[in-house]
Amino acid sequence: LAGRAMTQWPARDRARQLAWLSQQGEAEGDIAVADVVR
């Protein structure tokens, strides 16, 4: 990923480089839409 082995990326740094949307669409609870996007 970006020239660096995936296993060498700390989780938070990787999360800034790669966004993911799963098939199941993970998110639950009584949370406002704007807060979900935030």
All heavy atoms as atom14 arrays in JSON, in Angstrom:
{
  "sequence": "LAGRAMTQWPARDRARQLAWLSQQGEAEGDIAVADVVR",
  "atom14_mask": [
    [1, 1, 1, 1, 1, 1, 1, 1, 0, 0, 0, 0, 0, 0],
    [1, 1, 1, 1, 1, 0, 0, 0, 0, 0, 0, 0, 0, 0],
    [1, 1, 1, 1, 0, 0, 0, 0, 0, 0, 0, 0, 0, 0],
    [1, 1, 1, 1, 1, 1, 1, 1, 1, 1, 1, 0, 0, 0],
    [1, 1, 1, 1, 1, 0, 0, 0, 0, 0, 0, 0, 0, 0],
    [1, 1, 1, 1, 1, 1, 1, 1, 0, 0, 0, 0, 0, 0],
    [1, 1, 1, 1, 1, 1, 1, 0, 0, 0, 0, 0, 0, 0],
    [1, 1, 1, 1, 1, 1, 1, 1, 1, 0, 0, 0, 0, 0],
    [1, 1, 1, 1, 1, 1, 1, 1, 1, 1, 1, 1, 1, 1],
    [1, 1, 1, 1, 1, 1, 1, 0, 0, 0, 0, 0, 0, 0],
    [1, 1, 1, 1, 1, 0, 0, 0, 0, 0, 0, 0, 0, 0],
    [1, 1, 1, 1, 1, 1, 1, 1, 1, 1, 1, 0, 0, 0],
    [1, 1, 1, 1, 1, 1, 1, 1, 0, 0, 0, 0, 0, 0],
    [1, 1, 1, 1, 1, 1, 1, 1, 1, 1, 1, 0, 0, 0],
    [1, 1, 1, 1, 1, 0, 0, 0, 0, 0, 0, 0, 0, 0],
    [1, 1, 1, 1, 1, 1, 1, 1, 1, 1, 1, 0, 0, 0],
    [1, 1, 1, 1, 1, 1, 1, 1, 1, 0, 0, 0, 0, 0],
    [1, 1, 1, 1, 1, 1, 1, 1, 0, 0, 0, 0, 0, 0],
    [1, 1, 1, 1, 1, 0, 0, 0, 0, 0, 0, 0, 0, 0],
    [1, 1, 1, 1, 1, 1, 1, 1, 1, 1, 1, 1, 1, 1],
    [1, 1, 1, 1, 1, 1, 1, 1, 0, 0, 0, 0, 0, 0],
    [1, 1, 1, 1, 1, 1, 0, 0, 0, 0, 0, 0, 0, 0],
    [1, 1, 1, 1, 1, 1, 1, 1, 1, 0, 0, 0, 0, 0],
    [1, 1, 1, 1, 1, 1, 1, 1, 1, 0, 0, 0, 0, 0],
    [1, 1, 1, 1, 0, 0, 0, 0, 0, 0, 0, 0, 0, 0],
    [1, 1, 1, 1, 1, 1, 1, 1, 1, 0, 0, 0, 0, 0],
    [1, 1, 1, 1, 1, 0, 0, 0, 0, 0, 0, 0, 0, 0],
    [1, 1, 1, 1, 1, 1, 1, 1, 1, 0, 0, 0, 0, 0],
    [1, 1, 1, 1, 0, 0, 0, 0, 0, 0, 0, 0, 0, 0],
    [1, 1, 1, 1, 1, 1, 1, 1, 0, 0, 0, 0, 0, 0],
    [1, 1, 1, 1, 1, 1, 1, 1, 0, 0, 0, 0, 0, 0],
    [1, 1, 1, 1, 1, 0, 0, 0, 0, 0, 0, 0, 0, 0],
    [1, 1, 1, 1, 1, 1, 1, 0, 0, 0, 0, 0, 0, 0],
    [1, 1, 1, 1, 1, 0, 0, 0, 0, 0, 0, 0, 0, 0],
    [1, 1, 1, 1, 1, 1, 1, 1, 0, 0, 0, 0, 0, 0],
    [1, 1, 1, 1, 1, 1, 1, 0, 0, 0, 0, 0, 0, 0],
    [1, 1, 1, 1, 1, 1, 1, 0, 0, 0, 0, 0, 0, 0],
    [1, 1, 1, 1, 1, 1, 1, 1, 1, 1, 1, 0, 0, 0]
  ],
  "atom14_positions": [
    [[0.86, -1.18, 0.0], [0.0, 0.0, 0.0], [0.89, 1.23, 0.0], [1.72, 1.41, 0.91], [-0.9, -0.01, 1.24], [-1.79, 1.21, 1.48], [-2.81, 1.38, 0.35], [-2.5, 1.1, 2.83], [0.0, 0.0, 0.0], [0.0, 0.0, 0.0], [0.0, 0.0, 0.0], [0.0, 0.0, 0.0], [0.0, 0.0, 0.0], [0.0, 0.0, 0.0]],
    [[0.76, 2.05, -1.04], [1.58, 3.27, -1.17], [3.06, 2.95, -1.02], [3.81, 3.69, -0.36], [1.14, 4.31, -0.16], [0.0, 0.0, 0.0], [0.0, 0.0, 0.0], [0.0, 0.0, 0.0], [0.0, 0.0, 0.0], [0.0, 0.0, 0.0], [0.0, 0.0, 0.0], [0.0, 0.0, 0.0], [0.0, 0.0, 0.0], [0.0, 0.0, 0.0]],
    [[3.49, 1.84, -1.63], [4.89, 1.48, -1.64], [5.41, 0.84, -0.38], [6.62, 0.62, -0.25], [0.0, 0.0, 0.0], [0.0, 0.0, 0.0], [0.0, 0.0, 0.0], [0.0, 0.0, 0.0], [0.0, 0.0, 0.0], [0.0, 0.0, 0.0], [0.0, 0.0, 0.0], [0.0, 0.0, 0.0], [0.0, 0.0, 0.0], [0.0, 0.0, 0.0]],
    [[4.52, 0.48, 0.54], [4.93, -0.08, 1.83], [4.1, -1.32, 2.11], [2.89, -1.33, 1.88], [4.69, 0.98, 2.91], [5.08, 0.62, 4.33], [4.78, 1.83, 5.19], [5.02, 1.62, 6.59], [4.7, 2.51, 7.55], [4.13, 3.67, 7.22], [4.95, 2.24, 8.81], [0.0, 0.0, 0.0], [0.0, 0.0, 0.0], [0.0, 0.0, 0.0]],
    [[4.74, -2.39, 2.58], [4.02, -3.63, 2.85], [2.85, -3.37, 3.8], [2.99, -2.64, 4.8], [4.96, -4.66, 3.46], [0.0, 0.0, 0.0], [0.0, 0.0, 0.0], [0.0, 0.0, 0.0], [0.0, 0.0, 0.0], [0.0, 0.0, 0.0], [0.0, 0.0, 0.0], [0.0, 0.0, 0.0], [0.0, 0.0, 0.0], [0.0, 0.0, 0.0]],
    [[1.7, -3.96, 3.49], [0.5, -3.75, 4.3], [0.75, -4.08, 5.77], [0.25, -3.38, 6.66], [-0.64, -4.6, 3.74], [-1.96, -4.46, 4.47], [-2.82, -2.91, 4.11], [-3.57, -3.35, 2.53], [0.0, 0.0, 0.0], [0.0, 0.0, 0.0], [0.0, 0.0, 0.0], [0.0, 0.0, 0.0], [0.0, 0.0, 0.0], [0.0, 0.0, 0.0]],
    [[1.51, -5.12, 6.03], [1.76, -5.54, 7.41], [2.58, -4.53, 8.2], [2.63, -4.59, 9.43], [2.47, -6.9, 7.42], [3.66, -6.82, 6.6], [1.56, -7.99, 6.88], [0.0, 0.0, 0.0], [0.0, 0.0, 0.0], [0.0, 0.0, 0.0], [0.0, 0.0, 0.0], [0.0, 0.0, 0.0], [0.0, 0.0, 0.0], [0.0, 0.0, 0.0]],
    [[3.22, -3.58, 7.51], [4.04, -2.58, 8.19], [3.28, -1.31, 8.52], [3.83, -0.41, 9.16], [5.26, -2.24, 7.32], [6.21, -3.42, 7.12], [7.39, -3.06, 6.23], [7.49, -1.94, 5.71], [8.29, -4.01, 6.03], [0.0, 0.0, 0.0], [0.0, 0.0, 0.0], [0.0, 0.0, 0.0], [0.0, 0.0, 0.0], [0.0, 0.0, 0.0]],
    [[2.02, -1.24, 8.1], [1.23, -0.04, 8.37], [0.56, -0.13, 9.74], [-0.2, -1.07, 9.99], [0.14, 0.13, 7.31], [0.61, 0.68, 6.0], [1.0, -0.04, 4.92], [0.7, 2.05, 5.64], [1.35, 0.8, 3.89], [1.18, 2.09, 4.3], [0.43, 3.25, 6.3], [1.39, 3.29, 3.62], [0.65, 4.45, 5.62], [1.12, 4.46, 4.3]],
    [[0.77, 0.83, 10.64], [-0.06, 0.9, 11.85], [-1.52, 1.08, 11.45], [-1.82, 1.7, 10.42], [0.49, 2.13, 12.58], [1.87, 2.32, 12.05], [1.82, 1.87, 10.61], [0.0, 0.0, 0.0], [0.0, 0.0, 0.0], [0.0, 0.0, 0.0], [0.0, 0.0, 0.0], [0.0, 0.0, 0.0], [0.0, 0.0, 0.0], [0.0, 0.0, 0.0]],
    [[-2.43, 0.57, 12.26], [-3.86, 0.54, 11.88], [-4.4, 1.92, 11.54], [-5.11, 2.09, 10.55], [-4.67, -0.09, 13.01], [0.0, 0.0, 0.0], [0.0, 0.0, 0.0], [0.0, 0.0, 0.0], [0.0, 0.0, 0.0], [0.0, 0.0, 0.0], [0.0, 0.0, 0.0], [0.0, 0.0, 0.0], [0.0, 0.0, 0.0], [0.0, 0.0, 0.0]],
    [[-4.07, 2.92, 12.36], [-4.63, 4.25, 12.11], [-4.06, 4.86, 10.84], [-4.79, 5.48, 10.05], [-4.35, 5.16, 13.3], [-4.95, 6.56, 13.13], [-4.73, 7.43, 14.34], [-5.06, 8.82, 14.06], [-4.82, 9.83, 14.88], [-4.25, 9.59, 16.07], [-5.14, 11.06, 14.54], [0.0, 0.0, 0.0], [0.0, 0.0, 0.0], [0.0, 0.0, 0.0]],
    [[-2.77, 4.68, 10.6], [-2.17, 5.2, 9.37], [-2.78, 4.52, 8.15], [-3.05, 5.17, 7.14], [-0.66, 4.97, 9.4], [0.04, 5.8, 10.46], [-0.58, 6.76, 10.97], [1.19, 5.49, 10.78], [0.0, 0.0, 0.0], [0.0, 0.0, 0.0], [0.0, 0.0, 0.0], [0.0, 0.0, 0.0], [0.0, 0.0, 0.0], [0.0, 0.0, 0.0]],
    [[-2.98, 3.21, 8.25], [-3.6, 2.47, 7.14], [-5.01, 2.98, 6.88], [-5.44, 3.1, 5.72], [-3.62, 0.98, 7.45], [-4.15, 0.12, 6.31], [-4.22, -1.33, 6.72], [-5.26, -1.55, 7.72], [-5.32, -2.61, 8.51], [-4.39, -3.54, 8.47], [-6.31, -2.73, 9.38], [0.0, 0.0, 0.0], [0.0, 0.0, 0.0], [0.0, 0.0, 0.0]],
    [[-5.73, 3.3, 7.95], [-7.11, 3.77, 7.81], [-7.18, 5.13, 7.12], [-8.23, 5.47, 6.56], [-7.78, 3.85, 9.18], [0.0, 0.0, 0.0], [0.0, 0.0, 0.0], [0.0, 0.0, 0.0], [0.0, 0.0, 0.0], [0.0, 0.0, 0.0], [0.0, 0.0, 0.0], [0.0, 0.0, 0.0], [0.0, 0.0, 0.0], [0.0, 0.0, 0.0]],
    [[-6.12, 5.9, 7.16], [-6.1, 7.16, 6.42], [-5.8, 6.94, 4.94], [-6.13, 7.8, 4.12], [-5.06, 8.11, 7.02], [-5.44, 8.68, 8.37], [-4.56, 9.86, 8.74], [-3.19, 9.46, 9.03], [-2.71, 9.24, 10.25], [-3.5, 9.37, 11.31], [-1.46, 8.9, 10.42], [0.0, 0.0, 0.0], [0.0, 0.0, 0.0], [0.0, 0.0, 0.0]],
    [[-5.17, 5.83, 4.63], [-4.78, 5.53, 3.25], [-5.82, 4.73, 2.49], [-5.87, 4.76, 1.27], [-3.46, 4.75, 3.25], [-2.26, 5.53, 3.73], [-1.85, 6.61, 2.76], [-1.87, 6.4, 1.54], [-1.49, 7.77, 3.27], [0.0, 0.0, 0.0], [0.0, 0.0, 0.0], [0.0, 0.0, 0.0], [0.0, 0.0, 0.0], [0.0, 0.0, 0.0]],
    [[-6.67, 3.99, 3.23], [-7.57, 3.03, 2.61], [-8.92, 3.05, 3.31], [-9.01, 2.81, 4.5], [-6.93, 1.64, 2.69], [-7.54, 0.5, 1.9], [-6.48, -0.56, 1.62], [-8.7, -0.13, 2.65], [0.0, 0.0, 0.0], [0.0, 0.0, 0.0], [0.0, 0.0, 0.0], [0.0, 0.0, 0.0], [0.0, 0.0, 0.0], [0.0, 0.0, 0.0]],
    [[-9.97, 3.38, 2.55], [-11.34, 3.38, 3.07], [-12.08, 2.16, 2.55], [-11.86, 1.73, 1.41], [-12.07, 4.66, 2.68], [0.0, 0.0, 0.0], [0.0, 0.0, 0.0], [0.0, 0.0, 0.0], [0.0, 0.0, 0.0], [0.0, 0.0, 0.0], [0.0, 0.0, 0.0], [0.0, 0.0, 0.0], [0.0, 0.0, 0.0], [0.0, 0.0, 0.0]],
    [[-12.97, 1.62, 3.39], [-13.6, 0.33, 3.1], [-15.08, 0.4, 3.38], [-15.51, 0.98, 4.39], [-12.92, -0.73, 3.99], [-13.7, -1.99, 4.24], [-14.44, -2.27, 5.35], [-13.78, -3.15, 3.4], [-14.97, -3.54, 5.25], [-14.58, -4.09, 4.07], [-13.24, -3.47, 2.16], [-14.87, -5.33, 3.52], [-13.53, -4.7, 1.61], [-14.33, -5.62, 2.3]],
    [[-15.88, -0.16, 2.49], [-17.31, -0.33, 2.72], [-17.62, -1.81, 2.55], [-17.44, -2.37, 1.47], [-18.13, 0.48, 1.73], [-19.66, 0.32, 1.84], [-20.17, 0.82, 3.19], [-20.37, 1.03, 0.71], [0.0, 0.0, 0.0], [0.0, 0.0, 0.0], [0.0, 0.0, 0.0], [0.0, 0.0, 0.0], [0.0, 0.0, 0.0], [0.0, 0.0, 0.0]],
    [[-18.08, -2.45, 3.63], [-18.33, -3.89, 3.57], [-19.68, -4.18, 2.95], [-20.56, -3.32, 2.87], [-18.26, -4.51, 4.98], [-19.44, -4.2, 5.7], [0.0, 0.0, 0.0], [0.0, 0.0, 0.0], [0.0, 0.0, 0.0], [0.0, 0.0, 0.0], [0.0, 0.0, 0.0], [0.0, 0.0, 0.0], [0.0, 0.0, 0.0], [0.0, 0.0, 0.0]],
    [[-19.86, -5.41, 2.55], [-21.11, -5.86, 1.95], [-22.26, -5.76, 2.95], [-23.38, -5.43, 2.6], [-20.95, -7.3, 1.47], [-22.1, -7.81, 0.63], [-21.81, -9.21, 0.09], [-21.05, -9.98, 0.66], [-22.42, -9.54, -1.02], [0.0, 0.0, 0.0], [0.0, 0.0, 0.0], [0.0, 0.0, 0.0], [0.0, 0.0, 0.0], [0.0, 0.0, 0.0]],
    [[-21.97, -6.02, 4.23], [-23.01, -5.99, 5.26], [-23.33, -4.58, 5.71], [-24.36, -4.34, 6.31], [-22.57, -6.82, 6.47], [-22.54, -8.33, 6.21], [-21.32, -8.74, 5.41], [-20.3, -8.05, 5.42], [-21.41, -9.88, 4.74], [0.0, 0.0, 0.0], [0.0, 0.0, 0.0], [0.0, 0.0, 0.0], [0.0, 0.0, 0.0], [0.0, 0.0, 0.0]],
    [[-22.44, -3.61, 5.44], [-22.68, -2.25, 5.87], [-22.69, -2.12, 7.38], [-23.73, -1.95, 7.99], [0.0, 0.0, 0.0], [0.0, 0.0, 0.0], [0.0, 0.0, 0.0], [0.0, 0.0, 0.0], [0.0, 0.0, 0.0], [0.0, 0.0, 0.0], [0.0, 0.0, 0.0], [0.0, 0.0, 0.0], [0.0, 0.0, 0.0], [0.0, 0.0, 0.0]],
    [[-21.52, -2.22, 8.0], [-21.43, -2.28, 9.45], [-21.68, -0.91, 10.1], [-20.99, 0.04, 9.84], [-20.06, -2.83, 9.88], [-18.85, -1.93, 9.61], [-18.56, -1.73, 8.16], [-17.89, -2.56, 7.58], [-19.0, -0.68, 7.63], [0.0, 0.0, 0.0], [0.0, 0.0, 0.0], [0.0, 0.0, 0.0], [0.0, 0.0, 0.0], [0.0, 0.0, 0.0]],
    [[-22.71, -0.83, 10.89], [-23.02, 0.34, 11.72], [-24.36, 0.07, 12.37], [-25.32, -0.31, 11.71], [-23.09, 1.63, 10.9], [0.0, 0.0, 0.0], [0.0, 0.0, 0.0], [0.0, 0.0, 0.0], [0.0, 0.0, 0.0], [0.0, 0.0, 0.0], [0.0, 0.0, 0.0], [0.0, 0.0, 0.0], [0.0, 0.0, 0.0], [0.0, 0.0, 0.0]],
    [[-24.43, 0.23, 13.65], [-25.65, -0.04, 14.38], [-25.91, 1.09, 15.37], [-25.07, 1.95, 15.6], [-25.54, -1.38, 15.14], [-25.29, -2.6, 14.25], [-26.46, -2.92, 13.35], [-27.59, -2.45, 13.64], [-26.26, -3.64, 12.35], [0.0, 0.0, 0.0], [0.0, 0.0, 0.0], [0.0, 0.0, 0.0], [0.0, 0.0, 0.0], [0.0, 0.0, 0.0]],
    [[-27.08, 1.05, 15.98], [-27.37, 1.96, 17.07], [-28.24, 3.14, 16.68], [-28.5, 3.41, 15.51], [0.0, 0.0, 0.0], [0.0, 0.0, 0.0], [0.0, 0.0, 0.0], [0.0, 0.0, 0.0], [0.0, 0.0, 0.0], [0.0, 0.0, 0.0], [0.0, 0.0, 0.0], [0.0, 0.0, 0.0], [0.0, 0.0, 0.0], [0.0, 0.0, 0.0]],
    [[-28.64, 3.86, 17.7], [-29.53, 5.0, 17.53], [-28.69, 6.26, 17.41], [-28.7, 7.14, 18.26], [-30.47, 5.08, 18.75], [-31.61, 6.05, 18.51], [-32.06, 6.16, 17.35], [-32.05, 6.7, 19.48], [0.0, 0.0, 0.0], [0.0, 0.0, 0.0], [0.0, 0.0, 0.0], [0.0, 0.0, 0.0], [0.0, 0.0, 0.0], [0.0, 0.0, 0.0]],
    [[-27.95, 6.36, 16.32], [-27.02, 7.46, 16.09], [-27.48, 8.28, 14.9], [-28.0, 7.75, 13.92], [-25.58, 6.91, 15.89], [-24.58, 8.05, 15.69], [-25.53, 5.93, 14.73], [-23.14, 7.56, 15.65], [0.0, 0.0, 0.0], [0.0, 0.0, 0.0], [0.0, 0.0, 0.0], [0.0, 0.0, 0.0], [0.0, 0.0, 0.0], [0.0, 0.0, 0.0]],
    [[-27.31, 9.58, 14.99], [-27.73, 10.46, 13.92], [-26.87, 10.26, 12.68], [-25.67, 9.96, 12.77], [-27.65, 11.92, 14.37], [0.0, 0.0, 0.0], [0.0, 0.0, 0.0], [0.0, 0.0, 0.0], [0.0, 0.0, 0.0], [0.0, 0.0, 0.0], [0.0, 0.0, 0.0], [0.0, 0.0, 0.0], [0.0, 0.0, 0.0], [0.0, 0.0, 0.0]],
    [[-27.49, 10.43, 11.52], [-26.81, 10.21, 10.26], [-25.54, 11.05, 10.15], [-24.47, 10.55, 9.76], [-27.77, 10.51, 9.09], [-27.01, 10.72, 7.79], [-28.8, 9.39, 8.94], [0.0, 0.0, 0.0], [0.0, 0.0, 0.0], [0.0, 0.0, 0.0], [0.0, 0.0, 0.0], [0.0, 0.0, 0.0], [0.0, 0.0, 0.0], [0.0, 0.0, 0.0]],
    [[-25.62, 12.34, 10.48], [-24.45, 13.2, 10.36], [-23.31, 12.7, 11.23], [-22.13, 12.77, 10.83], [-24.81, 14.63, 10.74], [0.0, 0.0, 0.0], [0.0, 0.0, 0.0], [0.0, 0.0, 0.0], [0.0, 0.0, 0.0], [0.0, 0.0, 0.0], [0.0, 0.0, 0.0], [0.0, 0.0, 0.0], [0.0, 0.0, 0.0], [0.0, 0.0, 0.0]],
    [[-23.63, 12.14, 12.39], [-22.58, 11.61, 13.27], [-21.97, 10.34, 12.71], [-20.78, 10.07, 12.92], [-23.14, 11.36, 14.67], [-23.46, 12.65, 15.41], [-22.8, 13.67, 15.11], [-24.38, 12.65, 16.26], [0.0, 0.0, 0.0], [0.0, 0.0, 0.0], [0.0, 0.0, 0.0], [0.0, 0.0, 0.0], [0.0, 0.0, 0.0], [0.0, 0.0, 0.0]],
    [[-22.78, 9.55, 12.01], [-22.23, 8.35, 11.35], [-21.19, 8.77, 10.32], [-20.08, 8.21, 10.25], [-23.35, 7.54, 10.67], [-22.76, 6.4, 9.84], [-24.31, 6.98, 11.71], [0.0, 0.0, 0.0], [0.0, 0.0, 0.0], [0.0, 0.0, 0.0], [0.0, 0.0, 0.0], [0.0, 0.0, 0.0], [0.0, 0.0, 0.0], [0.0, 0.0, 0.0]],
    [[-21.52, 9.75, 9.51], [-20.6, 10.2, 8.46], [-19.35, 10.82, 9.09], [-18.23, 10.65, 8.59], [-21.29, 11.19, 7.51], [-20.34, 11.64, 6.41], [-22.54, 10.55, 6.9], [0.0, 0.0, 0.0], [0.0, 0.0, 0.0], [0.0, 0.0, 0.0], [0.0, 0.0, 0.0], [0.0, 0.0, 0.0], [0.0, 0.0, 0.0], [0.0, 0.0, 0.0]],
    [[-19.52, 11.51, 10.22], [-18.36, 12.12, 10.9], [-17.36, 11.07, 11.38], [-16.18, 11.37, 11.56], [-18.82, 12.97, 12.07], [-19.55, 14.24, 11.65], [-19.91, 15.13, 12.83], [-20.65, 16.3, 12.37], [-21.95, 16.51, 12.6], [-22.64, 15.61, 13.32], [-22.55, 17.59, 12.14], [0.0, 0.0, 0.0], [0.0, 0.0, 0.0], [0.0, 0.0, 0.0]]
  ]
}
